Amino acid sequence: MITVPIELGDRRYDVLVGDRVRHRLAEVLPASVRRVAIVTQEAVGVEVDPGREHRIFLIGESEEAKSMATVEGLCRDFARWGLTRADAVVAVGGGLVTDTAGFAAAVYHRGVPVVHVATTLLAQIDAAIGGKTGVNLPEGKNLVGAFWQPSAVLCDTEVLATLPPRELRSGLGELAKYHFLGGGQLDGLPMEERVAACVRIKASIVCADERESGRRATLNYGHTLAHALEIAGRFDLRHGEAVAIGLVYAAELAALLGRIDQARVDEHRRVVQAYGLPSSLPPGVDIDELVELFGRDKKALDGITFVLDGPRGVEIVTGVKREVIDAAFERIMQ
């Protein structure tokens, strides 16, 4: 087992990474917690024992379940059960579960403790770490949410072996991102060490910028195009698959702006393709629609905003002209 501490000034919690760490749940819950609301999905199929009175609350399986209606339903169910501020929420599942249950925990009674038991690679290296919670609106992804740090995160690498191949591959899209955020050659490490390396990178960024006022936005590398593709919603892409395309697009955009050379673009393509992920736009893309969706991205502060690689590493870039955006699209067409 590997323990990665998250240090946030006067607050601290641990991320535990390794086989069977889900069985440490009772140990990491705050000692004062009396009852636990376990939020999960029927398809997750991972059982946990919080060592206290508990009840299971199921949410929907599809992205449509990541909504304000689901959060309201959870909070009403919590209230009917009598959950109080002396109790806790435990999210067991992937990013949809940790984002949605985490937001419900943040707003119920103005905040109750939450522990994430992350069961997908995507959740273990990204969604469950750092305290960002939220749900979607019809107008865009993750537009409503709160910063609400968990009391602990359990990344059980044993359960990754049970994931469908495409779900695991989706997580590899986020893993590919960390190659360019200081992770280096992660593909040569055992899975437990890969996950821990990604958690350390995210922890260092979160600790420096908990509320996403600057540096933390770099964790959205590859996500500007990824979120637009997901919102457009016609392309049968998992999140990590969309991120992989977004990484290659961001590299091509950075090259056109003179920020990186062709060798660095080729490295992006190599990493993405080595994980068996797509690197080109799916058929039927409407470029104008995607550019309009770029403007709704939650990190957009001054027109269209991108996170791009460059001589100082990955950073936020604004003011990219439409002709450069279109030229980068041409480079990733099938």
C-alpha atoms as a PDB file:
ATOM      1  CA  MET A   1       0.000   0.000   0.000  1.00  0.00           C
ATOM      2  CA  ILE A   2       1.135   3.540  -0.814  1.00  0.00           C
ATOM      3  CA  THR A   3      -0.073   6.530   1.202  1.00  0.00           C
ATOM      4  CA  VAL A   4      -0.143   9.950  -0.457  1.00  0.00           C
ATOM      5  CA  PRO A   5      -0.885  12.826   1.939  1.00  0.00           C
ATOM      6  CA  ILE A   6      -2.924  15.837   0.803  1.00  0.00           C
ATOM      7  CA  GLU A   7      -1.747  18.872   2.794  1.00  0.00           C
ATOM      8  CA  LEU A   8      -4.062  21.897   2.699  1.00  0.00           C
ATOM      9  CA  GLY A   9      -2.777  24.335   5.298  1.00  0.00           C
ATOM     10  CA  ASP A  10      -4.418  23.363   8.557  1.00  0.00           C
ATOM     11  CA  ARG A  11      -6.255  20.428   6.917  1.00  0.00           C
ATOM     12  CA  ARG A  12      -4.909  17.070   5.863  1.00  0.00           C
ATOM     13  CA  TYR A  13      -6.184  13.781   4.530  1.00  0.00           C
ATOM     14  CA  ASP A  14      -4.653  10.658   3.029  1.00  0.00           C
ATOM     15  CA  VAL A  15      -5.114   8.877  -0.267  1.00  0.00           C
ATOM     16  CA  LEU A  16      -4.459   5.147   0.145  1.00  0.00           C
ATOM     17  CA  VAL A  17      -3.447   3.276  -3.025  1.00  0.00           C
ATOM     18  CA  GLY A  18      -3.133  -0.494  -3.300  1.00  0.00           C
ATOM     19  CA  ASP A  19      -4.851  -3.853  -3.502  1.00  0.00           C
ATOM     20  CA  ARG A  20      -7.798  -4.281  -1.101  1.00  0.00           C
ATOM     21  CA  VAL A  21      -7.513  -0.826   0.496  1.00  0.00           C
ATOM     22  CA  ARG A  22     -11.309  -0.605   0.329  1.00  0.00           C
ATOM     23  CA  HIS A  23     -11.272  -2.776   3.438  1.00  0.00           C
ATOM     24  CA  ARG A  24      -9.631   0.116   5.344  1.00  0.00           C
ATOM     25  CA  LEU A  25     -12.826   2.192   5.146  1.00  0.00           C
ATOM     26  CA  ALA A  26     -13.800   1.863   8.812  1.00  0.00           C
ATOM     27  CA  GLU A  27     -10.326   3.095   9.828  1.00  0.00           C
ATOM     28  CA  VAL A  28     -10.347   6.252   7.707  1.00  0.00           C
ATOM     29  CA  LEU A  29     -13.831   7.484   8.590  1.00  0.00           C
ATOM     30  CA  PRO A  30     -13.840  10.270  11.198  1.00  0.00           C
ATOM     31  CA  ALA A  31     -14.106   8.678  14.648  1.00  0.00           C
ATOM     32  CA  SER A  32     -17.202  10.717  15.517  1.00  0.00           C
ATOM     33  CA  VAL A  33     -19.273   9.391  12.590  1.00  0.00           C
ATOM     34  CA  ARG A  34     -22.267   7.366  13.727  1.00  0.00           C
ATOM     35  CA  ARG A  35     -24.013   6.408  10.498  1.00  0.00           C
ATOM     36  CA  VAL A  36     -22.946   6.231   6.871  1.00  0.00           C
ATOM     37  CA  ALA A  37     -24.892   6.803   3.658  1.00  0.00           C
ATOM     38  CA  ILE A  38     -23.202   4.716   0.929  1.00  0.00           C
ATOM     39  CA  VAL A  39     -23.868   6.179  -2.523  1.00  0.00           C
ATOM     40  CA  THR A  40     -23.132   3.874  -5.430  1.00  0.00           C
ATOM     41  CA  GLN A  41     -24.547   2.377  -8.619  1.00  0.00           C
ATOM     42  CA  GLU A  42     -25.969  -1.093  -9.070  1.00  0.00           C
ATOM     43  CA  ALA A  43     -23.407  -1.909 -11.773  1.00  0.00           C
ATOM     44  CA  VAL A  44     -20.426  -1.032  -9.547  1.00  0.00           C
ATOM     45  CA  GLY A  45     -20.806  -4.185  -7.492  1.00  0.00           C
ATOM     46  CA  VAL A  46     -18.097  -3.300  -4.948  1.00  0.00           C
ATOM     47  CA  GLU A  47     -19.068  -3.937  -1.337  1.00  0.00           C
ATOM     48  CA  VAL A  48     -17.623  -1.961   1.569  1.00  0.00           C
ATOM     49  CA  ASP A  49     -18.101  -2.159   5.323  1.00  0.00           C
ATOM     50  CA  PRO A  50     -17.919   1.165   7.173  1.00  0.00           C
ATOM     51  CA  GLY A  51     -18.124  -0.600  10.535  1.00  0.00           C
ATOM     52  CA  ARG A  52     -21.154   1.487  11.495  1.00  0.00           C
ATOM     53  CA  GLU A  53     -24.867   1.575  10.816  1.00  0.00           C
ATOM     54  CA  HIS A  54     -25.247   2.261   7.126  1.00  0.00           C
ATOM     55  CA  ARG A  55     -27.661   2.303   4.230  1.00  0.00           C
ATOM     56  CA  ILE A  56     -27.061   2.073   0.483  1.00  0.00           C
ATOM     57  CA  PHE A  57     -28.448   4.729  -1.876  1.00  0.00           C
ATOM     58  CA  LEU A  58     -28.329   3.934  -5.604  1.00  0.00           C
ATOM     59  CA  ILE A  59     -28.058   6.507  -8.376  1.00  0.00           C
ATOM     60  CA  GLY A  60     -28.470   6.095 -12.132  1.00  0.00           C
ATOM     61  CA  GLU A  61     -25.868   4.580 -14.431  1.00  0.00           C
ATOM     62  CA  SER A  62     -25.692   7.093 -17.286  1.00  0.00           C
ATOM     63  CA  GLU A  63     -24.236  10.609 -17.522  1.00  0.00           C
ATOM     64  CA  GLU A  64     -27.815  11.924 -17.263  1.00  0.00           C
ATOM     65  CA  ALA A  65     -27.718  10.872 -13.587  1.00  0.00           C
ATOM     66  CA  LYS A  66     -25.020  13.480 -12.940  1.00  0.00           C
ATOM     67  CA  SER A  67     -27.633  16.160 -12.425  1.00  0.00           C
ATOM     68  CA  MET A  68     -29.227  18.526  -9.948  1.00  0.00           C
ATOM     69  CA  ALA A  69     -32.237  16.204  -9.837  1.00  0.00           C
ATOM     70  CA  THR A  70     -30.039  13.353  -8.576  1.00  0.00           C
ATOM     71  CA  VAL A  71     -28.466  15.576  -5.921  1.00  0.00           C
ATOM     72  CA  GLU A  72     -31.900  16.708  -4.742  1.00  0.00           C
ATOM     73  CA  GLY A  73     -33.064  13.092  -4.636  1.00  0.00           C
ATOM     74  CA  LEU A  74     -30.062  12.051  -2.556  1.00  0.00           C
ATOM     75  CA  CYS A  75     -30.474  14.914  -0.116  1.00  0.00           C
ATOM     76  CA  ARG A  76     -34.163  14.152   0.338  1.00  0.00           C
ATOM     77  CA  ASP A  77     -33.366  10.471   0.886  1.00  0.00           C
ATOM     78  CA  PHE A  78     -30.694  11.445   3.437  1.00  0.00           C
ATOM     79  CA  ALA A  79     -33.221  13.636   5.246  1.00  0.00           C
ATOM     80  CA  ARG A  80     -35.888  10.922   5.307  1.00  0.00           C
ATOM     81  CA  TRP A  81     -33.353   8.503   6.788  1.00  0.00           C
ATOM     82  CA  GLY A  82     -32.376  11.108   9.358  1.00  0.00           C
ATOM     83  CA  LEU A  83     -28.755  11.672   8.316  1.00  0.00           C
ATOM     84  CA  THR A  84     -27.199  14.424  10.430  1.00  0.00           C
ATOM     85  CA  ARG A  85     -23.990  16.451  10.465  1.00  0.00           C
ATOM     86  CA  ALA A  86     -22.593  13.821  12.840  1.00  0.00           C
ATOM     87  CA  ASP A  87     -22.834  11.261  10.031  1.00  0.00           C
ATOM     88  CA  ALA A  88     -20.988  10.789   6.720  1.00  0.00           C
ATOM     89  CA  VAL A  89     -21.394   9.969   3.041  1.00  0.00           C
ATOM     90  CA  VAL A  90     -19.257   7.316   1.336  1.00  0.00           C
ATOM     91  CA  ALA A  91     -19.090   7.388  -2.471  1.00  0.00           C
ATOM     92  CA  VAL A  92     -18.310   4.001  -4.010  1.00  0.00           C
ATOM     93  CA  GLY A  93     -17.760   4.088  -7.754  1.00  0.00           C
ATOM     94  CA  GLY A  94     -16.253   6.027 -10.600  1.00  0.00           C
ATOM     95  CA  GLY A  95     -16.087   9.723 -11.305  1.00  0.00           C
ATOM     96  CA  LEU A  96     -19.820  10.115 -11.826  1.00  0.00           C
ATOM     97  CA  VAL A  97     -20.458   8.756  -8.332  1.00  0.00           C
ATOM     98  CA  THR A  98     -17.678  10.691  -6.573  1.00  0.00           C
ATOM     99  CA  ASP A  99     -18.621  13.967  -8.308  1.00  0.00           C
ATOM    100  CA  THR A 100     -22.342  13.606  -7.595  1.00  0.00           C
ATOM    101  CA  ALA A 101     -22.188  12.128  -4.082  1.00  0.00           C
ATOM    102  CA  GLY A 102     -19.424  14.577  -3.179  1.00  0.00           C
ATOM    103  CA  PHE A 103     -21.625  17.507  -4.210  1.00  0.00           C
ATOM    104  CA  ALA A 104     -24.570  16.096  -2.263  1.00  0.00           C
ATOM    105  CA  ALA A 105     -22.311  15.796   0.812  1.00  0.00           C
ATOM    106  CA  ALA A 106     -21.106  19.370   0.294  1.00  0.00           C
ATOM    107  CA  VAL A 107     -24.595  20.878   0.304  1.00  0.00           C
ATOM    108  CA  TYR A 108     -26.523  18.581   2.667  1.00  0.00           C
ATOM    109  CA  HIS A 109     -26.676  20.337   6.050  1.00  0.00           C
ATOM    110  CA  ARG A 110     -24.147  22.738   4.481  1.00  0.00           C
ATOM    111  CA  GLY A 111     -21.585  19.987   4.480  1.00  0.00           C
ATOM    112  CA  VAL A 112     -21.108  16.498   5.928  1.00  0.00           C
ATOM    113  CA  PRO A 113     -17.913  14.395   5.776  1.00  0.00           C
ATOM    114  CA  VAL A 114     -17.377  12.321   2.637  1.00  0.00           C
ATOM    115  CA  VAL A 115     -14.977   9.452   1.855  1.00  0.00           C
ATOM    116  CA  HIS A 116     -14.408   8.309  -1.715  1.00  0.00           C
ATOM    117  CA  VAL A 117     -13.855   4.642  -2.533  1.00  0.00           C
ATOM    118  CA  ALA A 118     -12.733   5.033  -6.143  1.00  0.00           C
ATOM    119  CA  THR A 119     -13.383   1.927  -8.232  1.00  0.00           C
ATOM    120  CA  THR A 120     -12.285   3.070 -11.705  1.00  0.00           C
ATOM    121  CA  LEU A 121      -8.881   4.206 -12.929  1.00  0.00           C
ATOM    122  CA  LEU A 122     -10.407   7.520 -13.987  1.00  0.00           C
ATOM    123  CA  ALA A 123     -11.680   8.184 -10.473  1.00  0.00           C
ATOM    124  CA  GLN A 124      -8.497   6.994  -8.760  1.00  0.00           C
ATOM    125  CA  ILE A 125      -6.146   9.301 -10.630  1.00  0.00           C
ATOM    126  CA  ASP A 126      -8.438  12.272 -11.125  1.00  0.00           C
ATOM    127  CA  ALA A 127     -12.088  12.605 -10.137  1.00  0.00           C
ATOM    128  CA  ALA A 128     -11.841  11.443  -6.506  1.00  0.00           C
ATOM    129  CA  ILE A 129      -8.741  13.541  -5.719  1.00  0.00           C
ATOM    130  CA  GLY A 130      -8.740  17.209  -4.792  1.00  0.00           C
ATOM    131  CA  GLY A 131     -12.225  18.068  -3.600  1.00  0.00           C
ATOM    132  CA  LYS A 132     -13.869  19.229  -6.831  1.00  0.00           C
ATOM    133  CA  THR A 133     -17.487  18.053  -6.903  1.00  0.00           C
ATOM    134  CA  GLY A 134     -20.285  18.900  -9.281  1.00  0.00           C
ATOM    135  CA  VAL A 135     -22.976  17.979 -11.744  1.00  0.00           C
ATOM    136  CA  ASN A 136     -23.919  18.879 -15.295  1.00  0.00           C
ATOM    137  CA  LEU A 137     -26.490  21.233 -16.746  1.00  0.00           C
ATOM    138  CA  PRO A 138     -27.983  20.864 -20.228  1.00  0.00           C
ATOM    139  CA  GLU A 139     -25.749  23.801 -21.163  1.00  0.00           C
ATOM    140  CA  GLY A 140     -22.486  22.163 -20.131  1.00  0.00           C
ATOM    141  CA  LYS A 141     -20.512  19.741 -17.983  1.00  0.00           C
ATOM    142  CA  ASN A 142     -19.740  20.384 -14.312  1.00  0.00           C
ATOM    143  CA  LEU A 143     -21.244  23.875 -14.326  1.00  0.00           C
ATOM    144  CA  VAL A 144     -22.729  23.497 -10.828  1.00  0.00           C
ATOM    145  CA  GLY A 145     -20.609  22.264  -7.959  1.00  0.00           C
ATOM    146  CA  ALA A 146     -18.552  23.004  -4.875  1.00  0.00           C
ATOM    147  CA  PHE A 147     -15.068  22.497  -3.520  1.00  0.00           C
ATOM    148  CA  TRP A 148     -15.513  19.929  -0.764  1.00  0.00           C
ATOM    149  CA  GLN A 149     -12.459  17.979   0.342  1.00  0.00           C
ATOM    150  CA  PRO A 150     -12.997  14.346   1.378  1.00  0.00           C
ATOM    151  CA  SER A 151     -11.897  12.947   4.723  1.00  0.00           C
ATOM    152  CA  ALA A 152      -9.983  10.219   2.844  1.00  0.00           C
ATOM    153  CA  VAL A 153      -9.758   8.537  -0.546  1.00  0.00           C
ATOM    154  CA  LEU A 154      -9.297   4.792  -1.079  1.00  0.00           C
ATOM    155  CA  CYS A 155      -7.910   3.780  -4.491  1.00  0.00           C
ATOM    156  CA  ASP A 156      -8.254   0.002  -4.562  1.00  0.00           C
ATOM    157  CA  THR A 157      -6.193  -1.259  -7.494  1.00  0.00           C
ATOM    158  CA  GLU A 158      -7.579  -4.787  -7.044  1.00  0.00           C
ATOM    159  CA  VAL A 159     -10.967  -3.726  -8.413  1.00  0.00           C
ATOM    160  CA  LEU A 160      -9.401  -2.384 -11.624  1.00  0.00           C
ATOM    161  CA  ALA A 161      -9.029  -5.971 -12.824  1.00  0.00           C
ATOM    162  CA  THR A 162     -12.834  -6.255 -12.908  1.00  0.00           C
ATOM    163  CA  LEU A 163     -13.367  -3.239 -15.179  1.00  0.00           C
ATOM    164  CA  PRO A 164     -14.593  -3.746 -18.741  1.00  0.00           C
ATOM    165  CA  PRO A 165     -11.706  -3.109 -21.163  1.00  0.00           C
ATOM    166  CA  ARG A 166     -13.224   0.106 -22.512  1.00  0.00           C
ATOM    167  CA  GLU A 167     -13.757   1.510 -19.020  1.00  0.00           C
ATOM    168  CA  LEU A 168     -10.126   0.829 -18.141  1.00  0.00           C
ATOM    169  CA  ARG A 169      -9.032   2.404 -21.433  1.00  0.00           C
ATOM    170  CA  SER A 170     -11.051   5.508 -20.580  1.00  0.00           C
ATOM    171  CA  GLY A 171      -8.993   5.889 -17.420  1.00  0.00           C
ATOM    172  CA  LEU A 172      -5.838   5.588 -19.481  1.00  0.00           C
ATOM    173  CA  GLY A 173      -6.854   8.820 -21.240  1.00  0.00           C
ATOM    174  CA  GLU A 174      -6.460  10.702 -17.968  1.00  0.00           C
ATOM    175  CA  LEU A 175      -3.287   8.765 -17.240  1.00  0.00           C
ATOM    176  CA  ALA A 176      -1.880   9.948 -20.584  1.00  0.00           C
ATOM    177  CA  LYS A 177      -2.473  13.537 -19.449  1.00  0.00           C
ATOM    178  CA  TYR A 178      -0.169  13.094 -16.463  1.00  0.00           C
ATOM    179  CA  HIS A 179       2.726  12.156 -18.772  1.00  0.00           C
ATOM    180  CA  PHE A 180       2.782  15.848 -19.734  1.00  0.00           C
ATOM    181  CA  LEU A 181       2.212  17.253 -16.245  1.00  0.00           C
ATOM    182  CA  GLY A 182       5.501  15.940 -14.901  1.00  0.00           C
ATOM    183  CA  GLY A 183       4.786  12.214 -14.755  1.00  0.00           C
ATOM    184  CA  GLY A 184       7.309  11.152 -17.384  1.00  0.00           C
ATOM    185  CA  GLN A 185       7.229   7.549 -18.598  1.00  0.00           C
ATOM    186  CA  LEU A 186       4.373   6.286 -16.468  1.00  0.00           C
ATOM    187  CA  ASP A 187       3.612   3.400 -18.811  1.00  0.00           C
ATOM    188  CA  GLY A 188       6.671   1.521 -17.506  1.00  0.00           C
ATOM    189  CA  LEU A 189       5.443   1.375 -13.897  1.00  0.00           C
ATOM    190  CA  PRO A 190       3.251  -1.221 -12.125  1.00  0.00           C
ATOM    191  CA  MET A 191      -0.362  -0.059 -11.849  1.00  0.00           C
ATOM    192  CA  GLU A 192      -0.187   0.745  -8.110  1.00  0.00           C
ATOM    193  CA  GLU A 193       2.838   2.992  -8.677  1.00  0.00           C
ATOM    194  CA  ARG A 194       1.250   4.606 -11.731  1.00  0.00           C
ATOM    195  CA  VAL A 195      -1.846   5.523  -9.752  1.00  0.00           C
ATOM    196  CA  ALA A 196       0.223   6.825  -6.826  1.00  0.00           C
ATOM    197  CA  ALA A 197       2.405   8.904  -9.190  1.00  0.00           C
ATOM    198  CA  CYS A 198      -0.675  10.556 -10.701  1.00  0.00           C
ATOM    199  CA  VAL A 199      -2.141  11.196  -7.247  1.00  0.00           C
ATOM    200  CA  ARG A 200       1.118  12.863  -6.154  1.00  0.00           C
ATOM    201  CA  ILE A 201       1.075  15.153  -9.186  1.00  0.00           C
ATOM    202  CA  LYS A 202      -2.522  16.131  -8.635  1.00  0.00           C
ATOM    203  CA  ALA A 203      -1.931  16.568  -4.894  1.00  0.00           C
ATOM    204  CA  SER A 204       0.971  18.958  -5.506  1.00  0.00           C
ATOM    205  CA  ILE A 205      -1.170  21.081  -7.815  1.00  0.00           C
ATOM    206  CA  VAL A 206      -4.249  21.018  -5.568  1.00  0.00           C
ATOM    207  CA  CYS A 207      -2.212  21.957  -2.510  1.00  0.00           C
ATOM    208  CA  ALA A 208      -0.821  24.970  -4.372  1.00  0.00           C
ATOM    209  CA  ASP A 209      -4.199  26.061  -5.781  1.00  0.00           C
ATOM    210  CA  GLU A 210      -7.125  24.459  -3.993  1.00  0.00           C
ATOM    211  CA  ARG A 211      -9.809  26.736  -5.479  1.00  0.00           C
ATOM    212  CA  GLU A 212      -8.621  26.686  -9.101  1.00  0.00           C
ATOM    213  CA  SER A 213      -7.585  30.335  -9.242  1.00  0.00           C
ATOM    214  CA  GLY A 214      -4.677  29.580 -11.560  1.00  0.00           C
ATOM    215  CA  ARG A 215      -2.370  26.568 -11.650  1.00  0.00           C
ATOM    216  CA  ARG A 216      -5.059  23.971 -10.925  1.00  0.00           C
ATOM    217  CA  ALA A 217      -6.671  24.684 -14.277  1.00  0.00           C
ATOM    218  CA  THR A 218      -3.684  22.933 -15.864  1.00  0.00           C
ATOM    219  CA  LEU A 219      -5.260  19.666 -14.711  1.00  0.00           C
ATOM    220  CA  ASN A 220      -7.771  20.307 -17.506  1.00  0.00           C
ATOM    221  CA  TYR A 221      -5.065  19.677 -20.108  1.00  0.00           C
ATOM    222  CA  GLY A 222      -6.790  18.131 -23.115  1.00  0.00           C
ATOM    223  CA  HIS A 223     -10.228  18.794 -21.667  1.00  0.00           C
ATOM    224  CA  THR A 224     -11.344  21.839 -23.688  1.00  0.00           C
ATOM    225  CA  LEU A 225     -11.976  19.752 -26.790  1.00  0.00           C
ATOM    226  CA  ALA A 226     -12.857  16.670 -24.719  1.00  0.00           C
ATOM    227  CA  HIS A 227     -15.730  18.405 -22.937  1.00  0.00           C
ATOM    228  CA  ALA A 228     -16.996  19.911 -26.202  1.00  0.00           C
ATOM    229  CA  LEU A 229     -17.078  16.468 -27.819  1.00  0.00           C
ATOM    230  CA  GLU A 230     -18.887  15.043 -24.785  1.00  0.00           C
ATOM    231  CA  ILE A 231     -21.469  17.839 -24.698  1.00  0.00           C
ATOM    232  CA  ALA A 232     -22.113  17.536 -28.430  1.00  0.00           C
ATOM    233  CA  GLY A 233     -22.853  13.953 -27.476  1.00  0.00           C
ATOM    234  CA  ARG A 234     -23.151  12.214 -30.823  1.00  0.00           C
ATOM    235  CA  PHE A 235     -19.808  10.432 -30.981  1.00  0.00           C
ATOM    236  CA  ASP A 236     -19.995   7.480 -28.561  1.00  0.00           C
ATOM    237  CA  LEU A 237     -16.851   8.584 -26.733  1.00  0.00           C
ATOM    238  CA  ARG A 238     -15.933   7.808 -23.131  1.00  0.00           C
ATOM    239  CA  HIS A 239     -14.376  10.660 -21.164  1.00  0.00           C
ATOM    240  CA  GLY A 240     -10.833   9.338 -21.390  1.00  0.00           C
ATOM    241  CA  GLU A 241     -11.179   8.697 -25.110  1.00  0.00           C
ATOM    242  CA  ALA A 242     -12.282  12.302 -25.612  1.00  0.00           C
ATOM    243  CA  VAL A 243      -9.376  13.516 -23.441  1.00  0.00           C
ATOM    244  CA  ALA A 244      -6.925  11.562 -25.602  1.00  0.00           C
ATOM    245  CA  ILE A 245      -8.169  13.346 -28.731  1.00  0.00           C
ATOM    246  CA  GLY A 246      -8.056  16.604 -26.782  1.00  0.00           C
ATOM    247  CA  LEU A 247      -4.421  16.035 -25.828  1.00  0.00           C
ATOM    248  CA  VAL A 248      -3.367  15.563 -29.434  1.00  0.00           C
ATOM    249  CA  TYR A 249      -5.414  18.595 -30.501  1.00  0.00           C
ATOM    250  CA  ALA A 250      -3.830  20.719 -27.758  1.00  0.00           C
ATOM    251  CA  ALA A 251      -0.367  19.614 -28.911  1.00  0.00           C
ATOM    252  CA  GLU A 252      -1.113  20.529 -32.525  1.00  0.00           C
ATOM    253  CA  LEU A 253      -2.489  23.898 -31.396  1.00  0.00           C
ATOM    254  CA  ALA A 254       0.609  24.556 -29.291  1.00  0.00           C
ATOM    255  CA  ALA A 255       2.854  23.689 -32.253  1.00  0.00           C
ATOM    256  CA  LEU A 256       0.984  26.101 -34.540  1.00  0.00           C
ATOM    257  CA  LEU A 257       1.520  28.824 -31.920  1.00  0.00           C
ATOM    258  CA  GLY A 258       5.246  28.046 -31.798  1.00  0.00           C
ATOM    259  CA  ARG A 259       5.104  26.843 -28.215  1.00  0.00           C
ATOM    260  CA  ILE A 260       6.400  23.298 -28.875  1.00  0.00           C
ATOM    261  CA  ASP A 261       8.160  21.515 -31.727  1.00  0.00           C
ATOM    262  CA  GLN A 262       7.067  18.586 -33.876  1.00  0.00           C
ATOM    263  CA  ALA A 263       8.960  16.097 -31.701  1.00  0.00           C
ATOM    264  CA  ARG A 264       6.799  17.067 -28.732  1.00  0.00           C
ATOM    265  CA  VAL A 265       3.638  16.688 -30.845  1.00  0.00           C
ATOM    266  CA  ASP A 266       4.834  13.242 -31.898  1.00  0.00           C
ATOM    267  CA  GLU A 267       5.364  12.352 -28.234  1.00  0.00           C
ATOM    268  CA  HIS A 268       1.719  13.196 -27.514  1.00  0.00           C
ATOM    269  CA  ARG A 269       0.613  10.954 -30.338  1.00  0.00           C
ATOM    270  CA  ARG A 270       2.926   8.141 -29.214  1.00  0.00           C
ATOM    271  CA  VAL A 271       1.652   8.158 -25.621  1.00  0.00           C
ATOM    272  CA  VAL A 272      -2.009   8.282 -26.663  1.00  0.00           C
ATOM    273  CA  GLN A 273      -1.675   5.551 -29.280  1.00  0.00           C
ATOM    274  CA  ALA A 274       0.388   3.320 -26.955  1.00  0.00           C
ATOM    275  CA  TYR A 275      -2.620   3.211 -24.629  1.00  0.00           C
ATOM    276  CA  GLY A 276      -4.876   2.178 -27.530  1.00  0.00           C
ATOM    277  CA  LEU A 277      -6.696   5.511 -27.495  1.00  0.00           C
ATOM    278  CA  PRO A 278      -8.032   7.569 -30.433  1.00  0.00           C
ATOM    279  CA  SER A 279      -6.018  10.529 -31.680  1.00  0.00           C
ATOM    280  CA  SER A 280      -8.304  11.925 -34.405  1.00  0.00           C
ATOM    281  CA  LEU A 281     -11.722  13.535 -34.510  1.00  0.00           C
ATOM    282  CA  PRO A 282     -14.675  11.180 -34.964  1.00  0.00           C
ATOM    283  CA  PRO A 283     -16.609  11.415 -38.251  1.00  0.00           C
ATOM    284  CA  GLY A 284     -19.408  13.955 -38.542  1.00  0.00           C
ATOM    285  CA  VAL A 285     -17.882  16.664 -36.356  1.00  0.00           C
ATOM    286  CA  ASP A 286     -19.312  20.180 -36.730  1.00  0.00           C
ATOM    287  CA  ILE A 287     -16.321  22.454 -36.064  1.00  0.00           C
ATOM    288  CA  ASP A 288     -18.481  25.545 -35.522  1.00  0.00           C
ATOM    289  CA  GLU A 289     -20.472  23.715 -32.850  1.00  0.00           C
ATOM    290  CA  LEU A 290     -17.297  22.643 -31.058  1.00  0.00           C
ATOM    291  CA  VAL A 291     -15.894  26.189 -31.116  1.00  0.00           C
ATOM    292  CA  GLU A 292     -19.156  27.522 -29.681  1.00  0.00           C
ATOM    293  CA  LEU A 293     -18.906  24.918 -26.914  1.00  0.00           C
ATOM    294  CA  PHE A 294     -15.294  26.002 -26.234  1.00  0.00           C
ATOM    295  CA  GLY A 295     -16.710  29.355 -25.132  1.00  0.00           C
ATOM    296  CA  ARG A 296     -18.881  27.688 -22.473  1.00  0.00           C
ATOM    297  CA  ASP A 297     -15.954  25.865 -20.885  1.00  0.00           C
ATOM    298  CA  LYS A 298     -15.834  26.669 -17.165  1.00  0.00           C
ATOM    299  CA  LYS A 299     -12.207  27.836 -17.295  1.00  0.00           C
ATOM    300  CA  ALA A 300     -12.996  30.388 -20.043  1.00  0.00           C
ATOM    301  CA  LEU A 301     -12.220  33.782 -18.494  1.00  0.00           C
ATOM    302  CA  ASP A 302     -11.357  35.899 -21.546  1.00  0.00           C
ATOM    303  CA  GLY A 303     -12.875  34.414 -24.654  1.00  0.00           C
ATOM    304  CA  ILE A 304     -11.749  30.925 -25.640  1.00  0.00           C
ATOM    305  CA  THR A 305      -9.196  29.610 -23.160  1.00  0.00           C
ATOM    306  CA  PHE A 306      -6.911  26.626 -23.666  1.00  0.00           C
ATOM    307  CA  VAL A 307      -4.435  24.726 -21.513  1.00  0.00           C
ATOM    308  CA  LEU A 308      -1.370  24.238 -23.706  1.00  0.00           C
ATOM    309  CA  ASP A 309       2.104  22.784 -23.476  1.00  0.00           C
ATOM    310  CA  GLY A 310       5.058  25.119 -23.894  1.00  0.00           C
ATOM    311  CA  PRO A 311       8.603  26.000 -22.886  1.00  0.00           C
ATOM    312  CA  ARG A 312       7.528  26.554 -19.269  1.00  0.00           C
ATOM    313  CA  GLY A 313       5.369  23.454 -19.226  1.00  0.00           C
ATOM    314  CA  VAL A 314       1.596  23.227 -19.407  1.00  0.00           C
ATOM    315  CA  GLU A 315      -0.140  26.555 -18.750  1.00  0.00           C
ATOM    316  CA  ILE A 316      -3.291  28.572 -19.521  1.00  0.00           C
ATOM    317  CA  VAL A 317      -3.356  30.413 -22.848  1.00  0.00           C
ATOM    318  CA  THR A 318      -5.993  32.944 -23.949  1.00  0.00           C
ATOM    319  CA  GLY A 319      -6.603  34.909 -27.112  1.00  0.00           C
ATOM    320  CA  VAL A 320      -6.065  32.090 -29.626  1.00  0.00           C
ATOM    321  CA  LYS A 321      -7.345  33.191 -33.038  1.00  0.00           C
ATOM    322  CA  ARG A 322     -10.040  31.266 -34.878  1.00  0.00           C
ATOM    323  CA  GLU A 323      -7.831  30.530 -37.884  1.00  0.00           C
ATOM    324  CA  VAL A 324      -5.293  28.774 -35.633  1.00  0.00           C
ATOM    325  CA  ILE A 325      -8.077  26.803 -33.943  1.00  0.00           C
ATOM    326  CA  ASP A 326      -9.346  25.673 -37.358  1.00  0.00           C
ATOM    327  CA  ALA A 327      -5.842  24.790 -38.561  1.00  0.00           C
ATOM    328  CA  ALA A 328      -5.314  22.551 -35.520  1.00  0.00           C
ATOM    329  CA  PHE A 329      -8.622  20.808 -36.262  1.00  0.00           C
ATOM    330  CA  GLU A 330      -7.440  20.057 -39.797  1.00  0.00           C
ATOM    331  CA  ARG A 331      -4.383  18.279 -38.369  1.00  0.00           C
ATOM    332  CA  ILE A 332      -6.496  15.805 -36.356  1.00  0.00           C
ATOM    333  CA  MET A 333      -9.111  15.018 -38.976  1.00  0.00           C
ATOM    334  CA  GLN A 334      -9.428  11.344 -39.910  1.00  0.00           C
END
